[in-house]
């Protein structure tokens, strides 16, 4: 395949991994076959997000010139690993893909064709998610609807991180400095010319999902609170409606008193109203706390990730710490 954007165009494939030692050889085999007919050079950037199995040993044993590796010092999460991979990628086009083969590498040539035709972003649209559980499909659908209702940065429904981005888009993403990162929103925020490729999402070929419902809930909150301020405005409007309702009730009490009507004691209804409003106030404070916690994270300006070792390049910025070459071995003996 000839890429009109430059005969020397290079494709970077960013693959975050966490405890995926079994899946890596299978993924590489499928990837090599998928790209065999593509007339472009490419590199595969693996980011080991603090695996505790043989993932890093498997990656280190790969003696292939187009393989790049980064090993983070601990598990920072997929969003941080994706950030590290995008910052290390050197290609004019960058593909983000999972190693579990639920994102088929065979779609990458289609991505490249659309990119060479002018699309700046090409994402895989999941036309069928039968491989996911009913609960996951339902909660995912609800999340996308809620996010796109509240956020000014809509994200395509049933689209994950699997996509190709032009270098111009990658540079915009790299310039986004936030520490609390929701990559689906970050990858959608730049805009540009977008195209999609529908596909049926298969089941995992190896290993198991690292996402549990507690982590997915936190992930959903990060998305909503990082890309929308509407939850804060809701409480302002709710407070206004409460004031109006209270003023109307007081006016009704005064009118009934002037008319000489006896007022019921209303202990039960009063208690219910107090408990309800107290719960609403606590919920509102909790939402404010969610935003405040994110401000707290941003103000500290801690690095997003720490590079422990690897042969992929590291960017020159303050969002990471690179300790490669600062060996902790050979320490002098200290003892009695």
C-alpha atoms as a PDB file:
ATOM      1  CA  UNK A   1       0.000   0.000   0.000  1.00  0.00           C
ATOM      2  CA  UNK A   2       1.310   3.453  -0.930  1.00  0.00           C
ATOM      3  CA  UNK A   3       0.660   6.235   1.545  1.00  0.00           C
ATOM      4  CA  UNK A   4       0.292   9.589  -0.241  1.00  0.00           C
ATOM      5  CA  UNK A   5       1.169  11.495   2.924  1.00  0.00           C
ATOM      6  CA  UNK A   6       4.807  10.501   2.394  1.00  0.00           C
ATOM      7  CA  UNK A   7       6.705   7.535   1.045  1.00  0.00           C
ATOM      8  CA  UNK A   8       8.676   7.398   4.275  1.00  0.00           C
ATOM      9  CA  UNK A   9       5.541   7.471   6.451  1.00  0.00           C
ATOM     10  CA  UNK A  10       5.988   5.413   9.604  1.00  0.00           C
ATOM     11  CA  UNK A  11       3.218   3.788  11.581  1.00  0.00           C
ATOM     12  CA  UNK A  12       3.476   3.473  15.360  1.00  0.00           C
ATOM     13  CA  UNK A  13       1.300   0.881  17.080  1.00  0.00           C
ATOM     14  CA  UNK A  14       0.863   1.590  20.798  1.00  0.00           C
ATOM     15  CA  UNK A  15      -0.010  -1.444  22.915  1.00  0.00           C
ATOM     16  CA  UNK A  16      -0.515  -1.043  26.689  1.00  0.00           C
ATOM     17  CA  UNK A  17      -0.161  -4.362  28.527  1.00  0.00           C
ATOM     18  CA  UNK A  18      -0.747  -5.534  32.080  1.00  0.00           C
ATOM     19  CA  UNK A  19      -0.196  -9.216  32.937  1.00  0.00           C
ATOM     20  CA  UNK A  20      -0.533 -10.265  29.273  1.00  0.00           C
ATOM     21  CA  UNK A  21       2.451 -12.585  28.825  1.00  0.00           C
ATOM     22  CA  UNK A  22       0.327 -15.253  27.118  1.00  0.00           C
ATOM     23  CA  UNK A  23      -1.374 -12.863  24.702  1.00  0.00           C
ATOM     24  CA  UNK A  24       1.717 -11.025  23.393  1.00  0.00           C
ATOM     25  CA  UNK A  25       3.044 -13.735  21.000  1.00  0.00           C
ATOM     26  CA  UNK A  26      -0.469 -14.365  19.647  1.00  0.00           C
ATOM     27  CA  UNK A  27      -1.010 -10.659  19.105  1.00  0.00           C
ATOM     28  CA  UNK A  28       2.302 -10.163  17.292  1.00  0.00           C
ATOM     29  CA  UNK A  29       1.627 -13.104  14.975  1.00  0.00           C
ATOM     30  CA  UNK A  30      -1.758 -11.665  13.967  1.00  0.00           C
ATOM     31  CA  UNK A  31      -0.318  -8.170  13.629  1.00  0.00           C
ATOM     32  CA  UNK A  32       2.520  -9.285  11.342  1.00  0.00           C
ATOM     33  CA  UNK A  33       0.079 -11.079   9.049  1.00  0.00           C
ATOM     34  CA  UNK A  34      -2.317  -8.109   9.011  1.00  0.00           C
ATOM     35  CA  UNK A  35       0.428  -5.661   8.014  1.00  0.00           C
ATOM     36  CA  UNK A  36       2.268  -7.940   5.605  1.00  0.00           C
ATOM     37  CA  UNK A  37       0.841  -6.234   2.516  1.00  0.00           C
ATOM     38  CA  UNK A  38       1.113  -2.657   3.823  1.00  0.00           C
ATOM     39  CA  UNK A  39       3.821  -0.691   2.074  1.00  0.00           C
ATOM     40  CA  UNK A  40       4.938   1.223   5.147  1.00  0.00           C
ATOM     41  CA  UNK A  41       7.463   0.819   7.921  1.00  0.00           C
ATOM     42  CA  UNK A  42       6.105   0.468  11.414  1.00  0.00           C
ATOM     43  CA  UNK A  43       7.102   0.144  15.033  1.00  0.00           C
ATOM     44  CA  UNK A  44       5.253  -1.556  17.874  1.00  0.00           C
ATOM     45  CA  UNK A  45       5.486   0.304  21.188  1.00  0.00           C
ATOM     46  CA  UNK A  46       4.618  -1.937  24.136  1.00  0.00           C
ATOM     47  CA  UNK A  47       4.051  -0.254  27.500  1.00  0.00           C
ATOM     48  CA  UNK A  48       4.215  -2.671  30.434  1.00  0.00           C
ATOM     49  CA  UNK A  49       2.028  -1.091  33.102  1.00  0.00           C
ATOM     50  CA  UNK A  50       3.651  -2.714  36.137  1.00  0.00           C
ATOM     51  CA  UNK A  51       2.889  -6.362  35.303  1.00  0.00           C
ATOM     52  CA  UNK A  52       3.607  -8.980  37.959  1.00  0.00           C
ATOM     53  CA  UNK A  53       3.696 -11.991  35.623  1.00  0.00           C
ATOM     54  CA  UNK A  54       6.191 -12.753  32.826  1.00  0.00           C
ATOM     55  CA  UNK A  55       5.031  -9.886  30.610  1.00  0.00           C
ATOM     56  CA  UNK A  56       8.265  -7.897  30.790  1.00  0.00           C
ATOM     57  CA  UNK A  57      10.472 -10.965  30.330  1.00  0.00           C
ATOM     58  CA  UNK A  58       8.388 -11.875  27.275  1.00  0.00           C
ATOM     59  CA  UNK A  59       8.831  -8.385  25.834  1.00  0.00           C
ATOM     60  CA  UNK A  60      12.552  -8.233  26.649  1.00  0.00           C
ATOM     61  CA  UNK A  61      13.091 -11.533  24.832  1.00  0.00           C
ATOM     62  CA  UNK A  62      11.677 -10.152  21.567  1.00  0.00           C
ATOM     63  CA  UNK A  63      14.747  -9.651  19.387  1.00  0.00           C
ATOM     64  CA  UNK A  64      13.075  -7.674  16.605  1.00  0.00           C
ATOM     65  CA  UNK A  65      14.219  -4.221  15.442  1.00  0.00           C
ATOM     66  CA  UNK A  66      10.718  -2.767  15.158  1.00  0.00           C
ATOM     67  CA  UNK A  67       9.746  -3.570  18.746  1.00  0.00           C
ATOM     68  CA  UNK A  68       9.975  -0.768  21.324  1.00  0.00           C
ATOM     69  CA  UNK A  69       9.431  -1.336  25.029  1.00  0.00           C
ATOM     70  CA  UNK A  70       8.691   0.774  28.071  1.00  0.00           C
ATOM     71  CA  UNK A  71       8.351  -0.643  31.559  1.00  0.00           C
ATOM     72  CA  UNK A  72       6.624   1.527  34.132  1.00  0.00           C
ATOM     73  CA  UNK A  73       7.740   1.349  37.757  1.00  0.00           C
ATOM     74  CA  UNK A  74       4.303   0.177  38.928  1.00  0.00           C
ATOM     75  CA  UNK A  75       0.719  -0.137  37.762  1.00  0.00           C
ATOM     76  CA  UNK A  76      -0.344   3.429  36.987  1.00  0.00           C
ATOM     77  CA  UNK A  77      -3.481   2.392  35.075  1.00  0.00           C
ATOM     78  CA  UNK A  78      -4.323   2.065  31.412  1.00  0.00           C
ATOM     79  CA  UNK A  79      -4.822   5.819  30.915  1.00  0.00           C
ATOM     80  CA  UNK A  80      -1.265   6.517  32.085  1.00  0.00           C
ATOM     81  CA  UNK A  81       0.121   3.634  30.005  1.00  0.00           C
ATOM     82  CA  UNK A  82      -1.633   4.991  26.904  1.00  0.00           C
ATOM     83  CA  UNK A  83      -0.168   8.417  27.619  1.00  0.00           C
ATOM     84  CA  UNK A  84       3.312   6.925  27.884  1.00  0.00           C
ATOM     85  CA  UNK A  85       2.858   5.048  24.614  1.00  0.00           C
ATOM     86  CA  UNK A  86       1.601   8.091  22.717  1.00  0.00           C
ATOM     87  CA  UNK A  87       4.495  10.172  24.002  1.00  0.00           C
ATOM     88  CA  UNK A  88       6.993   7.506  22.934  1.00  0.00           C
ATOM     89  CA  UNK A  89       5.480   6.879  19.486  1.00  0.00           C
ATOM     90  CA  UNK A  90       7.438   8.376  16.583  1.00  0.00           C
ATOM     91  CA  UNK A  91       5.203   7.546  13.622  1.00  0.00           C
ATOM     92  CA  UNK A  92       3.323   9.949  11.363  1.00  0.00           C
ATOM     93  CA  UNK A  93       0.272   7.839  12.116  1.00  0.00           C
ATOM     94  CA  UNK A  94      -0.333   6.187  15.493  1.00  0.00           C
ATOM     95  CA  UNK A  95      -2.660   3.269  16.207  1.00  0.00           C
ATOM     96  CA  UNK A  96      -3.807   2.486  19.745  1.00  0.00           C
ATOM     97  CA  UNK A  97      -4.833  -1.143  20.195  1.00  0.00           C
ATOM     98  CA  UNK A  98      -5.321  -3.677  22.992  1.00  0.00           C
ATOM     99  CA  UNK A  99      -3.265  -6.860  23.060  1.00  0.00           C
ATOM    100  CA  UNK A 100      -6.185  -9.212  23.827  1.00  0.00           C
ATOM    101  CA  UNK A 101      -7.225  -9.312  20.113  1.00  0.00           C
ATOM    102  CA  UNK A 102     -10.719  -8.020  20.818  1.00  0.00           C
ATOM    103  CA  UNK A 103      -9.499  -5.158  18.629  1.00  0.00           C
ATOM    104  CA  UNK A 104      -8.690  -7.043  15.384  1.00  0.00           C
ATOM    105  CA  UNK A 105      -5.313  -6.025  13.885  1.00  0.00           C
ATOM    106  CA  UNK A 106      -6.801  -6.903  10.488  1.00  0.00           C
ATOM    107  CA  UNK A 107      -8.657  -3.566  10.564  1.00  0.00           C
ATOM    108  CA  UNK A 108      -5.424  -1.537  10.583  1.00  0.00           C
ATOM    109  CA  UNK A 109      -5.030  -1.636   6.763  1.00  0.00           C
ATOM    110  CA  UNK A 110      -8.565  -0.211   6.492  1.00  0.00           C
ATOM    111  CA  UNK A 111      -7.586   2.505   8.969  1.00  0.00           C
ATOM    112  CA  UNK A 112      -4.536   3.308   6.854  1.00  0.00           C
ATOM    113  CA  UNK A 113      -6.585   3.563   3.660  1.00  0.00           C
ATOM    114  CA  UNK A 114      -8.973   6.049   5.246  1.00  0.00           C
ATOM    115  CA  UNK A 115      -6.044   7.985   6.720  1.00  0.00           C
ATOM    116  CA  UNK A 116      -4.290   8.148   3.356  1.00  0.00           C
ATOM    117  CA  UNK A 117      -7.586   9.398   1.917  1.00  0.00           C
ATOM    118  CA  UNK A 118      -7.652  12.379   4.272  1.00  0.00           C
ATOM    119  CA  UNK A 119      -9.149  11.223   7.591  1.00  0.00           C
ATOM    120  CA  UNK A 120      -7.174  12.437  10.606  1.00  0.00           C
ATOM    121  CA  UNK A 121      -8.800  10.022  13.054  1.00  0.00           C
ATOM    122  CA  UNK A 122     -10.163   6.566  12.225  1.00  0.00           C
ATOM    123  CA  UNK A 123     -11.763   4.579  15.022  1.00  0.00           C
ATOM    124  CA  UNK A 124     -13.208   1.093  15.260  1.00  0.00           C
ATOM    125  CA  UNK A 125     -16.974   1.156  15.850  1.00  0.00           C
ATOM    126  CA  UNK A 126     -18.243  -1.921  17.664  1.00  0.00           C
ATOM    127  CA  UNK A 127     -21.226  -3.012  15.580  1.00  0.00           C
ATOM    128  CA  UNK A 128     -21.861  -6.048  17.782  1.00  0.00           C
ATOM    129  CA  UNK A 129     -20.839  -6.578  21.400  1.00  0.00           C
ATOM    130  CA  UNK A 130     -22.241 -10.073  21.857  1.00  0.00           C
ATOM    131  CA  UNK A 131     -18.931 -11.127  23.413  1.00  0.00           C
ATOM    132  CA  UNK A 132     -19.623  -8.811  26.379  1.00  0.00           C
ATOM    133  CA  UNK A 133     -22.008  -9.693  29.193  1.00  0.00           C
ATOM    134  CA  UNK A 134     -25.518  -8.224  29.266  1.00  0.00           C
ATOM    135  CA  UNK A 135     -24.628  -6.157  32.337  1.00  0.00           C
ATOM    136  CA  UNK A 136     -21.537  -4.699  30.663  1.00  0.00           C
ATOM    137  CA  UNK A 137     -23.408  -3.873  27.459  1.00  0.00           C
ATOM    138  CA  UNK A 138     -26.198  -2.184  29.412  1.00  0.00           C
ATOM    139  CA  UNK A 139     -23.978  -0.130  31.702  1.00  0.00           C
ATOM    140  CA  UNK A 140     -21.778   0.869  28.758  1.00  0.00           C
ATOM    141  CA  UNK A 141     -24.806   2.071  26.786  1.00  0.00           C
ATOM    142  CA  UNK A 142     -26.060   4.080  29.761  1.00  0.00           C
ATOM    143  CA  UNK A 143     -22.640   5.632  30.314  1.00  0.00           C
ATOM    144  CA  UNK A 144     -22.260   6.788  26.710  1.00  0.00           C
ATOM    145  CA  UNK A 145     -25.725   8.340  26.760  1.00  0.00           C
ATOM    146  CA  UNK A 146     -25.108  10.124  30.063  1.00  0.00           C
ATOM    147  CA  UNK A 147     -21.666  11.337  28.972  1.00  0.00           C
ATOM    148  CA  UNK A 148     -22.855  12.722  25.636  1.00  0.00           C
ATOM    149  CA  UNK A 149     -25.826  14.377  27.339  1.00  0.00           C
ATOM    150  CA  UNK A 150     -23.669  16.159  29.912  1.00  0.00           C
ATOM    151  CA  UNK A 151     -20.394  16.755  28.083  1.00  0.00           C
ATOM    152  CA  UNK A 152     -19.509  19.320  25.440  1.00  0.00           C
ATOM    153  CA  UNK A 153     -17.054  16.769  24.004  1.00  0.00           C
ATOM    154  CA  UNK A 154     -19.183  13.900  22.673  1.00  0.00           C
ATOM    155  CA  UNK A 155     -17.569  10.524  22.218  1.00  0.00           C
ATOM    156  CA  UNK A 156     -18.843   7.997  19.666  1.00  0.00           C
ATOM    157  CA  UNK A 157     -21.005   5.287  21.186  1.00  0.00           C
ATOM    158  CA  UNK A 158     -19.504   1.798  21.321  1.00  0.00           C
ATOM    159  CA  UNK A 159     -16.034   3.059  20.411  1.00  0.00           C
ATOM    160  CA  UNK A 160     -13.104   2.188  22.612  1.00  0.00           C
ATOM    161  CA  UNK A 161      -9.497   3.322  22.424  1.00  0.00           C
ATOM    162  CA  UNK A 162      -8.896   1.344  19.203  1.00  0.00           C
ATOM    163  CA  UNK A 163      -8.157   4.012  16.608  1.00  0.00           C
ATOM    164  CA  UNK A 164      -5.614   5.558  14.263  1.00  0.00           C
ATOM    165  CA  UNK A 165      -4.542   9.176  14.698  1.00  0.00           C
ATOM    166  CA  UNK A 166      -2.537  11.436  12.451  1.00  0.00           C
ATOM    167  CA  UNK A 167       0.599  12.982  13.963  1.00  0.00           C
ATOM    168  CA  UNK A 168      -1.167  16.365  14.166  1.00  0.00           C
ATOM    169  CA  UNK A 169      -3.844  14.848  16.414  1.00  0.00           C
ATOM    170  CA  UNK A 170      -1.264  13.040  18.538  1.00  0.00           C
ATOM    171  CA  UNK A 171       0.591  16.300  19.123  1.00  0.00           C
ATOM    172  CA  UNK A 172      -2.627  17.933  20.364  1.00  0.00           C
ATOM    173  CA  UNK A 173      -3.231  15.005  22.732  1.00  0.00           C
ATOM    174  CA  UNK A 174       0.366  15.199  23.973  1.00  0.00           C
ATOM    175  CA  UNK A 175      -0.126  18.906  24.702  1.00  0.00           C
ATOM    176  CA  UNK A 176      -3.064  18.233  27.033  1.00  0.00           C
ATOM    177  CA  UNK A 177      -1.489  18.489  30.490  1.00  0.00           C
ATOM    178  CA  UNK A 178      -4.135  17.085  32.851  1.00  0.00           C
ATOM    179  CA  UNK A 179      -3.051  14.439  35.353  1.00  0.00           C
ATOM    180  CA  UNK A 180      -6.521  12.956  35.823  1.00  0.00           C
ATOM    181  CA  UNK A 181      -6.903  11.439  32.373  1.00  0.00           C
ATOM    182  CA  UNK A 182      -9.981  10.016  30.671  1.00  0.00           C
ATOM    183  CA  UNK A 183      -8.486   8.960  27.364  1.00  0.00           C
ATOM    184  CA  UNK A 184     -11.739   8.394  25.461  1.00  0.00           C
ATOM    185  CA  UNK A 185     -12.579  12.046  25.994  1.00  0.00           C
ATOM    186  CA  UNK A 186      -9.003  13.248  25.476  1.00  0.00           C
ATOM    187  CA  UNK A 187      -8.710  11.382  22.174  1.00  0.00           C
ATOM    188  CA  UNK A 188     -12.047  12.812  20.990  1.00  0.00           C
ATOM    189  CA  UNK A 189     -11.449  16.396  22.124  1.00  0.00           C
ATOM    190  CA  UNK A 190      -9.101  17.535  19.282  1.00  0.00           C
ATOM    191  CA  UNK A 191     -11.757  17.007  16.608  1.00  0.00           C
ATOM    192  CA  UNK A 192     -10.278  17.037  13.054  1.00  0.00           C
ATOM    193  CA  UNK A 193     -11.661  14.825  10.273  1.00  0.00           C
ATOM    194  CA  UNK A 194     -13.051  11.600  11.729  1.00  0.00           C
ATOM    195  CA  UNK A 195     -14.007   8.315  10.047  1.00  0.00           C
ATOM    196  CA  UNK A 196     -15.084   4.965  11.445  1.00  0.00           C
ATOM    197  CA  UNK A 197     -14.769   1.292  10.552  1.00  0.00           C
ATOM    198  CA  UNK A 198     -17.511  -0.972  11.957  1.00  0.00           C
ATOM    199  CA  UNK A 199     -16.552  -4.409  13.217  1.00  0.00           C
ATOM    200  CA  UNK A 200     -17.889  -7.250  15.324  1.00  0.00           C
ATOM    201  CA  UNK A 201     -15.960  -7.414  18.565  1.00  0.00           C
ATOM    202  CA  UNK A 202     -14.763 -10.955  19.255  1.00  0.00           C
ATOM    203  CA  UNK A 203     -14.149 -12.574  22.625  1.00  0.00           C
ATOM    204  CA  UNK A 204     -10.743 -12.378  24.274  1.00  0.00           C
ATOM    205  CA  UNK A 205      -8.312 -14.885  22.786  1.00  0.00           C
ATOM    206  CA  UNK A 206      -6.204 -15.187  25.932  1.00  0.00           C
ATOM    207  CA  UNK A 207      -6.164 -13.959  29.521  1.00  0.00           C
ATOM    208  CA  UNK A 208      -8.977 -12.196  31.323  1.00  0.00           C
ATOM    209  CA  UNK A 209     -10.297  -8.669  31.664  1.00  0.00           C
ATOM    210  CA  UNK A 210      -8.563  -6.475  34.260  1.00  0.00           C
ATOM    211  CA  UNK A 211     -11.627  -4.235  34.556  1.00  0.00           C
ATOM    212  CA  UNK A 212     -13.880  -4.896  37.547  1.00  0.00           C
ATOM    213  CA  UNK A 213     -17.138  -3.069  38.140  1.00  0.00           C
ATOM    214  CA  UNK A 214     -15.665  -0.951  40.930  1.00  0.00           C
ATOM    215  CA  UNK A 215     -12.892   0.221  38.612  1.00  0.00           C
ATOM    216  CA  UNK A 216     -15.395   0.799  35.788  1.00  0.00           C
ATOM    217  CA  UNK A 217     -17.515   2.953  38.122  1.00  0.00           C
ATOM    218  CA  UNK A 218     -14.496   5.096  38.995  1.00  0.00           C
ATOM    219  CA  UNK A 219     -13.613   5.263  35.301  1.00  0.00           C
ATOM    220  CA  UNK A 220     -17.134   6.501  34.475  1.00  0.00           C
ATOM    221  CA  UNK A 221     -16.953   9.188  37.171  1.00  0.00           C
ATOM    222  CA  UNK A 222     -13.587  10.350  35.828  1.00  0.00           C
ATOM    223  CA  UNK A 223     -15.111  10.723  32.404  1.00  0.00           C
ATOM    224  CA  UNK A 224     -18.156  12.672  33.546  1.00  0.00           C
ATOM    225  CA  UNK A 225     -16.372  14.990  35.972  1.00  0.00           C
ATOM    226  CA  UNK A 226     -13.323  15.573  33.751  1.00  0.00           C
ATOM    227  CA  UNK A 227     -15.364  16.646  30.749  1.00  0.00           C
ATOM    228  CA  UNK A 228     -18.461  18.340  32.140  1.00  0.00           C
ATOM    229  CA  UNK A 229     -19.296  21.020  34.694  1.00  0.00           C
ATOM    230  CA  UNK A 230     -23.053  20.477  34.307  1.00  0.00           C
ATOM    231  CA  UNK A 231     -23.373  18.357  37.484  1.00  0.00           C
ATOM    232  CA  UNK A 232     -22.297  21.465  39.435  1.00  0.00           C
ATOM    233  CA  UNK A 233     -24.855  23.645  37.667  1.00  0.00           C
ATOM    234  CA  UNK A 234     -27.624  21.155  38.404  1.00  0.00           C
ATOM    235  CA  UNK A 235     -27.270  21.809  42.125  1.00  0.00           C
ATOM    236  CA  UNK A 236     -27.497  25.554  41.617  1.00  0.00           C
ATOM    237  CA  UNK A 237     -30.761  25.083  39.739  1.00  0.00           C
ATOM    238  CA  UNK A 238     -31.991  22.592  42.317  1.00  0.00           C
ATOM    239  CA  UNK A 239     -31.213  25.080  45.096  1.00  0.00           C
ATOM    240  CA  UNK A 240     -33.205  27.766  43.261  1.00  0.00           C
ATOM    241  CA  UNK A 241     -36.177  25.424  42.840  1.00  0.00           C
ATOM    242  CA  UNK A 242     -35.978  24.501  46.542  1.00  0.00           C
ATOM    243  CA  UNK A 243     -36.063  28.181  47.524  1.00  0.00           C
ATOM    244  CA  UNK A 244     -39.061  28.792  45.283  1.00  0.00           C
ATOM    245  CA  UNK A 245     -40.866  25.730  46.626  1.00  0.00           C
ATOM    246  CA  UNK A 246     -40.148  26.785  50.226  1.00  0.00           C
ATOM    247  CA  UNK A 247     -41.340  30.338  49.573  1.00  0.00           C
ATOM    248  CA  UNK A 248     -44.517  29.007  47.969  1.00  0.00           C
ATOM    249  CA  UNK A 249     -45.172  26.719  50.921  1.00  0.00           C
ATOM    250  CA  UNK A 250     -44.678  29.556  53.423  1.00  0.00           C
ATOM    251  CA  UNK A 251     -47.028  31.756  51.413  1.00  0.00           C
ATOM    252  CA  UNK A 252     -49.628  28.979  51.471  1.00  0.00           C
ATOM    253  CA  UNK A 253     -49.300  28.653  55.274  1.00  0.00           C
ATOM    254  CA  UNK A 254     -49.777  32.421  55.735  1.00  0.00           C
ATOM    255  CA  UNK A 255     -52.838  32.479  53.474  1.00  0.00           C
ATOM    256  CA  UNK A 256     -54.420  29.529  55.292  1.00  0.00           C
ATOM    257  CA  UNK A 257     -53.675  31.124  58.686  1.00  0.00           C
ATOM    258  CA  UNK A 258     -55.303  34.411  57.641  1.00  0.00           C
ATOM    259  CA  UNK A 259     -58.322  32.426  56.464  1.00  0.00           C
ATOM    260  CA  UNK A 260     -58.632  30.960  59.953  1.00  0.00           C
ATOM    261  CA  UNK A 261     -57.945  27.374  58.981  1.00  0.00           C
ATOM    262  CA  UNK A 262     -56.250  25.174  61.523  1.00  0.00           C
ATOM    263  CA  UNK A 263     -52.908  23.788  60.363  1.00  0.00           C
ATOM    264  CA  UNK A 264     -52.146  20.082  60.890  1.00  0.00           C
ATOM    265  CA  UNK A 265     -49.074  19.207  62.932  1.00  0.00           C
ATOM    266  CA  UNK A 266     -47.442  17.444  59.940  1.00  0.00           C
ATOM    267  CA  UNK A 267     -44.715  15.743  61.967  1.00  0.00           C
ATOM    268  CA  UNK A 268     -44.267  12.839  59.529  1.00  0.00           C
ATOM    269  CA  UNK A 269     -44.194  15.001  56.409  1.00  0.00           C
ATOM    270  CA  UNK A 270     -41.840  17.488  58.081  1.00  0.00           C
ATOM    271  CA  UNK A 271     -39.443  14.726  59.117  1.00  0.00           C
ATOM    272  CA  UNK A 272     -39.524  13.250  55.611  1.00  0.00           C
ATOM    273  CA  UNK A 273     -38.783  16.645  54.037  1.00  0.00           C
ATOM    274  CA  UNK A 274     -35.876  17.271  56.415  1.00  0.00           C
ATOM    275  CA  UNK A 275     -34.327  13.846  55.757  1.00  0.00           C
ATOM    276  CA  UNK A 276     -34.783  14.216  51.997  1.00  0.00           C
ATOM    277  CA  UNK A 277     -33.192  17.660  51.873  1.00  0.00           C
ATOM    278  CA  UNK A 278     -30.340  16.523  54.142  1.00  0.00           C
ATOM    279  CA  UNK A 279     -29.613  13.630  51.776  1.00  0.00           C
ATOM    280  CA  UNK A 280     -29.711  15.934  48.774  1.00  0.00           C
ATOM    281  CA  UNK A 281     -27.306  18.346  50.472  1.00  0.00           C
ATOM    282  CA  UNK A 282     -24.853  15.560  51.266  1.00  0.00           C
ATOM    283  CA  UNK A 283     -25.058  14.333  47.670  1.00  0.00           C
ATOM    284  CA  UNK A 284     -24.382  17.860  46.411  1.00  0.00           C
ATOM    285  CA  UNK A 285     -21.384  18.184  48.715  1.00  0.00           C
ATOM    286  CA  UNK A 286     -20.134  14.837  47.418  1.00  0.00           C
ATOM    287  CA  UNK A 287     -20.292  16.056  43.820  1.00  0.00           C
ATOM    288  CA  UNK A 288     -18.428  19.237  44.748  1.00  0.00           C
ATOM    289  CA  UNK A 289     -15.891  16.994  46.485  1.00  0.00           C
ATOM    290  CA  UNK A 290     -15.374  14.997  43.283  1.00  0.00           C
ATOM    291  CA  UNK A 291     -14.448  18.168  41.413  1.00  0.00           C
ATOM    292  CA  UNK A 292     -12.312  19.397  44.296  1.00  0.00           C
ATOM    293  CA  UNK A 293     -10.400  16.112  44.407  1.00  0.00           C
ATOM    294  CA  UNK A 294      -9.514  16.551  40.743  1.00  0.00           C
ATOM    295  CA  UNK A 295      -8.330  20.086  41.378  1.00  0.00           C
ATOM    296  CA  UNK A 296      -6.212  18.669  44.197  1.00  0.00           C
ATOM    297  CA  UNK A 297      -4.646  16.118  41.822  1.00  0.00           C
ATOM    298  CA  UNK A 298      -3.894  18.756  39.183  1.00  0.00           C
ATOM    299  CA  UNK A 299      -2.403  21.230  41.657  1.00  0.00           C
ATOM    300  CA  UNK A 300       0.092  18.668  42.971  1.00  0.00           C
ATOM    301  CA  UNK A 301       1.490  18.256  39.441  1.00  0.00           C
ATOM    302  CA  UNK A 302       2.778  14.757  40.121  1.00  0.00           C
ATOM    303  CA  UNK A 303       4.140  12.833  37.115  1.00  0.00           C
ATOM    304  CA  UNK A 304       1.570  10.738  35.281  1.00  0.00           C
ATOM    305  CA  UNK A 305       3.945   7.770  35.114  1.00  0.00           C
ATOM    306  CA  UNK A 306       7.502   6.667  35.915  1.00  0.00           C
ATOM    307  CA  UNK A 307       9.625   4.851  33.313  1.00  0.00           C
ATOM    308  CA  UNK A 308      11.705   2.131  34.922  1.00  0.00           C
ATOM    309  CA  UNK A 309      13.408   0.694  31.835  1.00  0.00           C
ATOM    310  CA  UNK A 310      12.995   0.062  28.134  1.00  0.00           C
ATOM    311  CA  UNK A 311      14.284   1.053  24.715  1.00  0.00           C
ATOM    312  CA  UNK A 312      11.524   3.423  23.555  1.00  0.00           C
ATOM    313  CA  UNK A 313      12.259   7.128  23.488  1.00  0.00           C
ATOM    314  CA  UNK A 314      10.932   9.339  26.266  1.00  0.00           C
ATOM    315  CA  UNK A 315       9.594  12.864  25.678  1.00  0.00           C
ATOM    316  CA  UNK A 316      11.114  15.930  27.255  1.00  0.00           C
ATOM    317  CA  UNK A 317       8.340  17.118  29.567  1.00  0.00           C
ATOM    318  CA  UNK A 318       7.388  17.255  33.237  1.00  0.00           C
ATOM    319  CA  UNK A 319       4.615  14.673  33.041  1.00  0.00           C
ATOM    320  CA  UNK A 320       6.854  11.687  33.649  1.00  0.00           C
ATOM    321  CA  UNK A 321      10.046  10.640  35.396  1.00  0.00           C
ATOM    322  CA  UNK A 322      12.575   8.508  33.539  1.00  0.00           C
ATOM    323  CA  UNK A 323      14.920   6.608  35.867  1.00  0.00           C
ATOM    324  CA  UNK A 324      16.578   4.512  33.173  1.00  0.00           C
ATOM    325  CA  UNK A 325      20.311   4.367  33.703  1.00  0.00           C
ATOM    326  CA  UNK A 326      19.997   5.260  37.380  1.00  0.00           C
ATOM    327  CA  UNK A 327      20.665   1.745  38.566  1.00  0.00           C
ATOM    328  CA  UNK A 328      19.818   0.685  42.098  1.00  0.00           C
ATOM    329  CA  UNK A 329      22.233  -2.240  41.935  1.00  0.00           C
ATOM    330  CA  UNK A 330      25.751  -2.326  43.279  1.00  0.00           C
ATOM    331  CA  UNK A 331      24.869  -0.570  46.534  1.00  0.00           C
ATOM    332  CA  UNK A 332      27.579  -0.626  49.195  1.00  0.00           C
ATOM    333  CA  UNK A 333      27.097  -3.018  52.081  1.00  0.00           C
ATOM    334  CA  UNK A 334      25.963  -1.310  55.243  1.00  0.00           C
ATOM    335  CA  UNK A 335      25.832  -3.361  58.388  1.00  0.00           C
ATOM    336  CA  UNK A 336      27.284  -4.049  61.796  1.00  0.00           C
END
